[in-house]
């Protein structure tokens, strides 16, 4: 879903909904994440959910897959409540802005090398 012409966010009825049709294997993987991962590792799923639900401004084709149903549903409900309550800030907006800023800087850096390069971001693990 694209940004509306007037630059406003979609209302809660038209907000992008997560596609929750995952295979059983993926559901089992995310169940393991819920039971075995600590809060720092689970925050990666929360970030992926933000990227997936802000897909009208952030291009991350795998975010929904990495987020999992629980995190997508939780953040979707927060966004819906924010929109319904006319919150000053909608959940995940800072993540979207930060993503757009960093991606623009990375793209500019790659272009300065003539393009065609690949960037691999390694997460800090415990």
N, C-alpha and C. Protein backbone atom coordinates (compact mmCIF):
# COMPACT_ATOMS: atom_id res chain seq x y z
N UNK A 1 0.85 -1.17 0.00
CA UNK A 1 0.00 0.00 0.00
C UNK A 1 0.89 1.23 0.00
N UNK A 2 0.63 2.12 -0.87
CA UNK A 2 1.46 3.32 -0.98
C UNK A 2 0.95 4.40 -0.04
N UNK A 3 1.85 5.32 0.25
CA UNK A 3 1.48 6.50 1.01
C UNK A 3 0.33 7.20 0.29
N UNK A 4 -0.60 7.71 1.03
CA UNK A 4 -1.69 8.46 0.42
C UNK A 4 -1.11 9.72 -0.21
N UNK A 5 -1.78 10.26 -1.19
CA UNK A 5 -1.30 11.43 -1.93
C UNK A 5 -1.05 12.63 -1.02
N UNK A 6 -1.82 12.77 0.04
CA UNK A 6 -1.67 13.93 0.90
C UNK A 6 -0.56 13.76 1.94
N UNK A 7 0.19 12.65 1.88
CA UNK A 7 1.29 12.42 2.79
C UNK A 7 0.88 11.89 4.15
N UNK A 8 -0.41 11.63 4.33
CA UNK A 8 -0.89 11.10 5.61
C UNK A 8 -0.83 9.59 5.59
N UNK A 9 -0.74 9.01 6.79
CA UNK A 9 -0.76 7.56 6.91
C UNK A 9 -2.15 7.03 6.64
N UNK A 10 -2.26 5.79 6.19
CA UNK A 10 -3.58 5.20 5.98
C UNK A 10 -4.33 5.12 7.32
N UNK A 11 -5.67 5.16 7.28
CA UNK A 11 -6.42 4.97 8.51
C UNK A 11 -6.31 3.51 8.92
N UNK A 12 -6.75 3.18 10.14
CA UNK A 12 -6.52 1.83 10.65
C UNK A 12 -7.21 0.75 9.82
N UNK A 13 -8.32 1.06 9.14
CA UNK A 13 -8.97 0.03 8.31
C UNK A 13 -8.15 -0.29 7.07
N UNK A 14 -7.33 0.65 6.62
CA UNK A 14 -6.55 0.45 5.41
C UNK A 14 -5.07 0.22 5.66
N UNK A 15 -4.69 0.03 6.91
CA UNK A 15 -3.29 -0.22 7.23
C UNK A 15 -2.90 -1.59 6.69
N UNK A 16 -1.67 -1.74 6.18
CA UNK A 16 -1.27 -3.05 5.65
C UNK A 16 -1.39 -4.14 6.72
N UNK A 17 -2.11 -5.18 6.42
CA UNK A 17 -2.25 -6.30 7.36
C UNK A 17 -1.19 -7.35 7.06
N UNK A 18 -0.66 -7.98 8.10
CA UNK A 18 0.31 -9.05 7.86
C UNK A 18 -0.38 -10.25 7.23
N UNK A 19 0.33 -10.91 6.36
CA UNK A 19 -0.15 -12.16 5.79
C UNK A 19 0.27 -13.27 6.74
N UNK A 20 -0.68 -13.89 7.40
CA UNK A 20 -0.36 -14.83 8.47
C UNK A 20 -0.49 -16.29 8.03
N UNK A 21 -0.23 -16.56 6.77
CA UNK A 21 -0.35 -17.92 6.26
C UNK A 21 1.03 -18.57 6.15
N UNK A 22 1.53 -19.03 7.27
CA UNK A 22 2.86 -19.64 7.30
C UNK A 22 2.75 -21.16 7.32
N UNK A 23 3.83 -21.81 6.90
CA UNK A 23 3.88 -23.26 6.96
C UNK A 23 4.01 -23.70 8.42
N UNK A 24 3.71 -24.93 8.67
CA UNK A 24 3.83 -25.48 10.03
C UNK A 24 5.28 -25.42 10.50
N UNK A 25 6.23 -25.67 9.61
CA UNK A 25 7.65 -25.61 9.98
C UNK A 25 8.03 -24.21 10.46
N UNK A 26 7.53 -23.20 9.78
CA UNK A 26 7.83 -21.82 10.19
C UNK A 26 7.16 -21.49 11.52
N UNK A 27 5.95 -21.99 11.72
CA UNK A 27 5.28 -21.77 13.01
C UNK A 27 6.08 -22.43 14.14
N UNK A 28 6.61 -23.62 13.90
CA UNK A 28 7.42 -24.31 14.90
C UNK A 28 8.70 -23.53 15.20
N UNK A 29 9.33 -23.00 14.17
CA UNK A 29 10.53 -22.19 14.36
C UNK A 29 10.23 -20.99 15.26
N UNK A 30 9.14 -20.30 14.98
CA UNK A 30 8.80 -19.14 15.78
C UNK A 30 8.36 -19.53 17.20
N UNK A 31 7.80 -20.71 17.38
CA UNK A 31 7.49 -21.19 18.73
C UNK A 31 8.78 -21.42 19.51
N UNK A 32 9.81 -21.92 18.84
CA UNK A 32 11.11 -22.10 19.48
C UNK A 32 11.70 -20.75 19.86
N UNK A 33 11.57 -19.78 18.98
CA UNK A 33 12.06 -18.43 19.27
C UNK A 33 11.39 -17.91 20.54
N UNK A 34 10.08 -18.07 20.62
CA UNK A 34 9.33 -17.59 21.79
C UNK A 34 9.78 -18.26 23.07
N UNK A 35 10.07 -19.54 23.01
CA UNK A 35 10.39 -20.27 24.25
C UNK A 35 11.87 -20.24 24.61
N UNK A 36 12.76 -20.18 23.61
CA UNK A 36 14.18 -20.33 23.89
C UNK A 36 15.00 -19.05 23.80
N UNK A 37 14.53 -18.06 23.07
CA UNK A 37 15.32 -16.85 22.87
C UNK A 37 15.12 -15.87 24.01
N UNK A 38 16.18 -15.13 24.33
CA UNK A 38 16.04 -14.08 25.33
C UNK A 38 15.47 -12.82 24.69
N UNK A 39 15.23 -11.81 25.50
CA UNK A 39 14.56 -10.60 25.00
C UNK A 39 15.39 -9.86 23.95
N UNK A 40 16.70 -9.93 24.06
CA UNK A 40 17.56 -9.25 23.07
C UNK A 40 17.39 -9.91 21.70
N UNK A 41 17.41 -11.22 21.66
CA UNK A 41 17.24 -11.93 20.39
C UNK A 41 15.83 -11.75 19.84
N UNK A 42 14.83 -11.76 20.72
CA UNK A 42 13.45 -11.58 20.26
C UNK A 42 13.22 -10.18 19.70
N UNK A 43 14.04 -9.22 20.12
CA UNK A 43 13.87 -7.85 19.60
C UNK A 43 14.12 -7.82 18.09
N UNK A 44 14.89 -8.76 17.57
CA UNK A 44 15.08 -8.84 16.11
C UNK A 44 13.76 -9.14 15.42
N UNK A 45 12.93 -9.96 16.04
CA UNK A 45 11.60 -10.27 15.48
C UNK A 45 10.71 -9.03 15.55
N UNK A 46 10.82 -8.28 16.63
CA UNK A 46 10.03 -7.05 16.77
C UNK A 46 10.43 -6.05 15.69
N UNK A 47 11.72 -5.92 15.44
CA UNK A 47 12.19 -5.01 14.40
C UNK A 47 11.71 -5.47 13.03
N UNK A 48 11.78 -6.76 12.77
CA UNK A 48 11.29 -7.30 11.50
C UNK A 48 9.80 -7.03 11.34
N UNK A 49 9.04 -7.13 12.42
CA UNK A 49 7.61 -6.85 12.36
C UNK A 49 7.38 -5.39 11.98
N UNK A 50 8.16 -4.50 12.57
CA UNK A 50 8.04 -3.09 12.21
C UNK A 50 8.32 -2.84 10.75
N UNK A 51 9.38 -3.47 10.24
CA UNK A 51 9.72 -3.31 8.83
C UNK A 51 8.63 -3.89 7.94
N UNK A 52 8.05 -5.02 8.35
CA UNK A 52 7.00 -5.64 7.54
C UNK A 52 5.73 -4.79 7.52
N UNK A 53 5.36 -4.25 8.67
CA UNK A 53 4.11 -3.49 8.73
C UNK A 53 4.25 -2.07 8.20
N UNK A 54 5.47 -1.61 8.03
CA UNK A 54 5.70 -0.32 7.38
C UNK A 54 6.16 -0.54 5.95
N UNK A 55 5.70 -1.64 5.33
CA UNK A 55 6.15 -1.99 3.99
C UNK A 55 5.71 -0.98 2.93
N UNK A 56 4.81 -0.09 3.26
CA UNK A 56 4.42 0.95 2.31
C UNK A 56 5.50 2.03 2.22
N UNK A 57 6.49 2.02 3.11
CA UNK A 57 7.62 2.96 3.02
C UNK A 57 8.98 2.27 3.11
N UNK A 58 9.03 1.05 3.63
CA UNK A 58 10.28 0.30 3.79
C UNK A 58 10.23 -0.93 2.89
N UNK A 59 11.27 -1.16 2.11
CA UNK A 59 11.32 -2.31 1.22
C UNK A 59 12.17 -3.41 1.85
N UNK A 60 11.50 -4.36 2.48
CA UNK A 60 12.18 -5.51 3.09
C UNK A 60 11.31 -6.73 2.83
N UNK A 61 11.64 -7.45 1.78
CA UNK A 61 10.80 -8.55 1.31
C UNK A 61 10.74 -9.73 2.27
N UNK A 62 11.71 -9.85 3.18
CA UNK A 62 11.74 -10.99 4.10
C UNK A 62 11.30 -10.64 5.52
N UNK A 63 11.00 -9.39 5.76
CA UNK A 63 10.68 -8.95 7.12
C UNK A 63 9.52 -9.72 7.73
N UNK A 64 8.46 -9.91 6.97
CA UNK A 64 7.29 -10.60 7.49
C UNK A 64 7.63 -12.03 7.90
N UNK A 65 8.43 -12.69 7.10
CA UNK A 65 8.85 -14.05 7.39
C UNK A 65 9.67 -14.10 8.68
N UNK A 66 10.60 -13.18 8.84
CA UNK A 66 11.46 -13.17 10.03
C UNK A 66 10.70 -12.73 11.28
N UNK A 67 9.69 -11.90 11.10
CA UNK A 67 8.95 -11.38 12.26
C UNK A 67 8.14 -12.47 12.95
N UNK A 68 7.42 -13.24 12.18
CA UNK A 68 6.55 -14.26 12.77
C UNK A 68 5.20 -13.69 13.16
N UNK A 69 4.25 -14.57 13.26
CA UNK A 69 2.86 -14.19 13.48
C UNK A 69 2.65 -13.43 14.79
N UNK A 70 3.27 -13.85 15.87
CA UNK A 70 3.07 -13.20 17.16
C UNK A 70 3.47 -11.74 17.12
N UNK A 71 4.67 -11.46 16.62
CA UNK A 71 5.16 -10.08 16.60
C UNK A 71 4.40 -9.23 15.59
N UNK A 72 4.03 -9.81 14.47
CA UNK A 72 3.23 -9.06 13.49
C UNK A 72 1.87 -8.69 14.08
N UNK A 73 1.23 -9.64 14.71
CA UNK A 73 -0.09 -9.39 15.28
C UNK A 73 -0.01 -8.35 16.39
N UNK A 74 0.96 -8.48 17.28
CA UNK A 74 1.10 -7.54 18.39
C UNK A 74 1.33 -6.12 17.89
N UNK A 75 2.24 -5.95 16.95
CA UNK A 75 2.53 -4.61 16.45
C UNK A 75 1.36 -4.08 15.63
N UNK A 76 0.72 -4.93 14.86
CA UNK A 76 -0.45 -4.50 14.09
C UNK A 76 -1.51 -3.93 15.03
N UNK A 77 -1.75 -4.61 16.15
CA UNK A 77 -2.75 -4.13 17.11
C UNK A 77 -2.33 -2.80 17.73
N UNK A 78 -1.04 -2.64 18.02
CA UNK A 78 -0.55 -1.36 18.55
C UNK A 78 -0.75 -0.24 17.54
N UNK A 79 -0.42 -0.50 16.29
CA UNK A 79 -0.59 0.51 15.23
C UNK A 79 -2.08 0.86 15.09
N UNK A 80 -2.92 -0.16 15.07
CA UNK A 80 -4.35 0.08 14.94
C UNK A 80 -4.86 0.94 16.10
N UNK A 81 -4.44 0.61 17.31
CA UNK A 81 -4.87 1.39 18.48
C UNK A 81 -4.34 2.82 18.41
N UNK A 82 -3.10 2.99 17.99
CA UNK A 82 -2.54 4.33 17.84
C UNK A 82 -3.37 5.15 16.87
N UNK A 83 -3.71 4.56 15.73
CA UNK A 83 -4.48 5.27 14.71
C UNK A 83 -5.90 5.58 15.21
N UNK A 84 -6.52 4.64 15.88
CA UNK A 84 -7.88 4.85 16.37
C UNK A 84 -7.91 5.92 17.47
N UNK A 85 -6.84 6.03 18.24
CA UNK A 85 -6.77 6.99 19.34
C UNK A 85 -6.09 8.30 18.95
N UNK A 86 -5.82 8.46 17.65
CA UNK A 86 -5.15 9.67 17.16
C UNK A 86 -3.87 9.97 17.94
N UNK A 87 -3.07 8.94 18.15
CA UNK A 87 -1.81 9.09 18.89
C UNK A 87 -0.89 10.07 18.16
N UNK A 88 -0.09 10.77 18.92
CA UNK A 88 0.86 11.72 18.32
C UNK A 88 1.89 10.99 17.46
N UNK A 89 2.22 9.77 17.85
CA UNK A 89 3.18 8.96 17.08
C UNK A 89 2.63 7.54 16.95
N UNK A 90 2.65 7.03 15.75
CA UNK A 90 2.18 5.68 15.48
C UNK A 90 3.33 4.71 15.73
N UNK A 91 3.04 3.61 16.39
CA UNK A 91 4.07 2.62 16.70
C UNK A 91 4.85 2.23 15.45
N UNK A 92 6.15 2.21 15.58
CA UNK A 92 7.02 1.79 14.49
C UNK A 92 7.48 2.90 13.58
N UNK A 93 6.96 4.11 13.73
CA UNK A 93 7.33 5.19 12.81
C UNK A 93 8.82 5.53 12.92
N UNK A 94 9.37 5.51 14.12
CA UNK A 94 10.79 5.81 14.28
C UNK A 94 11.63 4.74 13.58
N UNK A 95 11.22 3.50 13.68
CA UNK A 95 11.93 2.42 12.99
C UNK A 95 11.92 2.66 11.49
N UNK A 96 10.78 3.04 10.94
CA UNK A 96 10.69 3.29 9.50
C UNK A 96 11.57 4.46 9.09
N UNK A 97 11.53 5.54 9.84
CA UNK A 97 12.36 6.71 9.51
C UNK A 97 13.84 6.35 9.61
N UNK A 98 14.22 5.66 10.68
CA UNK A 98 15.62 5.26 10.85
C UNK A 98 16.06 4.36 9.71
N UNK A 99 15.21 3.42 9.32
CA UNK A 99 15.53 2.52 8.22
C UNK A 99 15.74 3.29 6.92
N UNK A 100 14.83 4.20 6.62
CA UNK A 100 14.96 4.99 5.40
C UNK A 100 16.24 5.83 5.41
N UNK A 101 16.58 6.41 6.56
CA UNK A 101 17.78 7.23 6.67
C UNK A 101 19.04 6.39 6.43
N UNK A 102 19.15 5.27 7.16
CA UNK A 102 20.34 4.42 7.00
C UNK A 102 20.44 3.84 5.60
N UNK A 103 19.32 3.41 5.03
CA UNK A 103 19.37 2.86 3.68
C UNK A 103 19.80 3.91 2.66
N UNK A 104 19.37 5.14 2.84
CA UNK A 104 19.80 6.19 1.90
C UNK A 104 21.30 6.44 2.02
N UNK A 105 21.83 6.38 3.24
CA UNK A 105 23.28 6.57 3.43
C UNK A 105 24.07 5.40 2.84
N UNK A 106 23.57 4.19 3.03
CA UNK A 106 24.24 3.01 2.45
C UNK A 106 24.21 3.06 0.93
N UNK A 107 23.07 3.42 0.36
CA UNK A 107 22.96 3.52 -1.09
C UNK A 107 23.92 4.57 -1.64
N UNK A 108 24.03 5.70 -0.97
CA UNK A 108 24.95 6.75 -1.41
C UNK A 108 26.40 6.27 -1.35
N UNK A 109 26.73 5.54 -0.28
CA UNK A 109 28.09 5.01 -0.15
C UNK A 109 28.39 4.00 -1.25
N UNK A 110 27.44 3.13 -1.54
CA UNK A 110 27.64 2.14 -2.60
C UNK A 110 27.79 2.80 -3.96
N UNK A 111 26.97 3.82 -4.20
CA UNK A 111 27.08 4.55 -5.47
C UNK A 111 28.44 5.23 -5.61
N UNK A 112 29.02 5.67 -4.50
CA UNK A 112 30.33 6.33 -4.56
C UNK A 112 31.42 5.35 -4.99
N UNK A 113 31.16 4.05 -4.84
CA UNK A 113 32.10 3.02 -5.29
C UNK A 113 31.71 2.47 -6.65
N UNK A 114 30.75 3.10 -7.31
CA UNK A 114 30.34 2.66 -8.63
C UNK A 114 29.20 1.67 -8.62
N UNK A 115 28.60 1.43 -7.47
CA UNK A 115 27.47 0.51 -7.38
C UNK A 115 27.93 -0.94 -7.50
N UNK A 116 27.00 -1.84 -7.46
CA UNK A 116 27.28 -3.25 -7.63
C UNK A 116 27.89 -3.94 -6.42
N UNK A 117 28.18 -3.18 -5.37
CA UNK A 117 28.75 -3.77 -4.16
C UNK A 117 27.63 -4.34 -3.31
N UNK A 118 28.00 -5.16 -2.37
CA UNK A 118 27.04 -5.76 -1.46
C UNK A 118 27.44 -5.40 -0.04
N UNK A 119 26.45 -5.11 0.78
CA UNK A 119 26.69 -4.79 2.18
C UNK A 119 26.10 -5.91 3.02
N UNK A 120 26.88 -6.41 3.95
CA UNK A 120 26.41 -7.42 4.88
C UNK A 120 26.51 -6.84 6.27
N UNK A 121 25.38 -6.74 6.95
CA UNK A 121 25.37 -6.22 8.32
C UNK A 121 25.34 -7.41 9.26
N UNK A 122 26.34 -7.50 10.09
CA UNK A 122 26.42 -8.58 11.05
C UNK A 122 25.88 -8.11 12.39
N UNK A 123 24.90 -8.81 12.91
CA UNK A 123 24.32 -8.45 14.20
C UNK A 123 25.27 -8.83 15.32
N UNK A 124 25.17 -8.12 16.39
CA UNK A 124 25.96 -8.44 17.58
C UNK A 124 25.24 -9.53 18.34
N UNK A 125 25.90 -10.60 18.62
CA UNK A 125 25.28 -11.70 19.33
C UNK A 125 25.79 -11.77 20.75
N UNK A 126 25.14 -12.64 21.52
CA UNK A 126 25.58 -12.80 22.90
C UNK A 126 26.49 -13.99 23.02
